[in-house]
Amino acid sequence: MESTEIIKNAGLKITPQRKVVYEVMMELRHAAIDEIIKCVQSKDNQITISTIYRILDSFCKANLLSPLIPQHFDLTLFISS
């Protein structure tokens, strides 16, 4: 299924920024927030860090992503299956 369909099926509005963030997460599968930000901004440097955080939060609430917070409290996100 294409990223736009997955985002739409999760009940979220499709935006270019959400599409980029989702595609990055599909490439990385499991990544720390710093790595996600770096990859997203390498694809589109107009997407701000706050926008990335808001998108990731909306993906978690829609069960597209799951947060993993290890003992040292660095946030890691991975694709929910």
Protein backbone atom coordinates (compact mmCIF):
# COMPACT_ATOMS: atom_id res chain seq x y z
CA MET A 1 0.00 0.00 0.00
CA GLU A 2 1.26 3.49 -0.85
CA SER A 3 2.17 5.93 1.94
CA THR A 4 -0.68 8.30 1.06
CA GLU A 5 -3.22 5.50 1.41
CA ILE A 6 -1.77 4.39 4.75
CA ILE A 7 -1.85 7.93 6.14
CA LYS A 8 -5.41 8.47 4.89
CA ASN A 9 -6.60 5.10 6.24
CA ALA A 10 -5.22 6.10 9.65
CA GLY A 11 -7.65 9.04 9.61
CA LEU A 12 -5.01 11.71 9.00
CA LYS A 13 -4.98 14.45 6.40
CA ILE A 14 -2.41 13.82 3.69
CA THR A 15 0.23 16.54 3.52
CA PRO A 16 3.57 16.61 1.71
CA GLN A 17 5.32 16.81 5.09
CA ARG A 18 3.49 13.77 6.49
CA LYS A 19 4.30 11.83 3.35
CA VAL A 20 8.04 12.61 3.66
CA VAL A 21 8.12 11.70 7.37
CA TYR A 22 6.24 8.45 6.77
CA GLU A 23 8.50 7.46 3.88
CA VAL A 24 11.58 8.16 6.01
CA MET A 25 10.16 5.98 8.78
CA MET A 26 9.51 3.18 6.27
CA GLU A 27 13.14 3.41 5.15
CA LEU A 28 14.56 3.51 8.68
CA ARG A 29 12.01 1.15 10.30
CA HIS A 30 13.51 1.77 13.76
CA ALA A 31 15.34 4.99 14.56
CA ALA A 32 16.22 7.56 17.19
CA ILE A 33 14.58 10.95 16.88
CA ASP A 34 17.84 12.65 15.87
CA GLU A 35 18.29 10.25 12.98
CA ILE A 36 14.68 10.75 11.87
CA ILE A 37 15.07 14.54 11.90
CA LYS A 38 18.33 14.35 9.96
CA CYS A 39 16.83 12.08 7.28
CA VAL A 40 13.61 14.08 6.95
CA GLN A 41 15.48 17.37 6.62
CA SER A 42 17.89 15.86 4.09
CA LYS A 43 14.86 15.13 1.89
CA ASP A 44 13.11 18.46 2.58
CA ASN A 45 14.99 21.09 4.56
CA GLN A 46 11.84 23.22 4.81
CA ILE A 47 10.28 20.79 7.31
CA THR A 48 11.02 22.16 10.77
CA ILE A 49 11.91 20.11 13.81
CA SER A 50 8.65 21.10 15.52
CA THR A 51 6.68 19.95 12.47
CA ILE A 52 8.50 16.61 12.52
CA TYR A 53 7.69 16.15 16.22
CA ARG A 54 4.00 17.00 15.62
CA ILE A 55 3.80 14.58 12.70
CA LEU A 56 5.48 11.80 14.68
CA ASP A 57 3.08 12.43 17.55
CA SER A 58 0.08 12.22 15.20
CA PHE A 59 1.47 8.98 13.74
CA CYS A 60 1.83 7.51 17.24
CA LYS A 61 -1.73 8.51 18.14
CA ALA A 62 -2.95 6.92 14.89
CA ASN A 63 -0.97 3.73 15.68
CA LEU A 64 1.24 4.10 12.63
CA LEU A 65 4.30 4.34 14.88
CA SER A 66 5.12 3.05 18.33
CA PRO A 67 7.45 4.87 20.71
CA LEU A 68 10.18 3.00 22.51
CA ILE A 69 11.77 4.76 25.46
CA PRO A 70 14.83 2.88 26.72
CA GLN A 71 16.30 3.38 30.19
CA HIS A 72 18.47 6.29 29.08
CA PHE A 73 15.32 8.13 27.87
CA ASP A 74 16.33 8.79 24.26
CA LEU A 75 13.15 8.49 22.23
CA THR A 76 13.21 5.83 19.55
CA LEU A 77 10.32 5.24 17.14
CA PHE A 78 9.50 2.24 15.01
CA ILE A 79 6.88 1.30 12.45
CA SER A 80 3.88 -0.42 14.02
CA SER A 81 2.93 -3.68 12.38
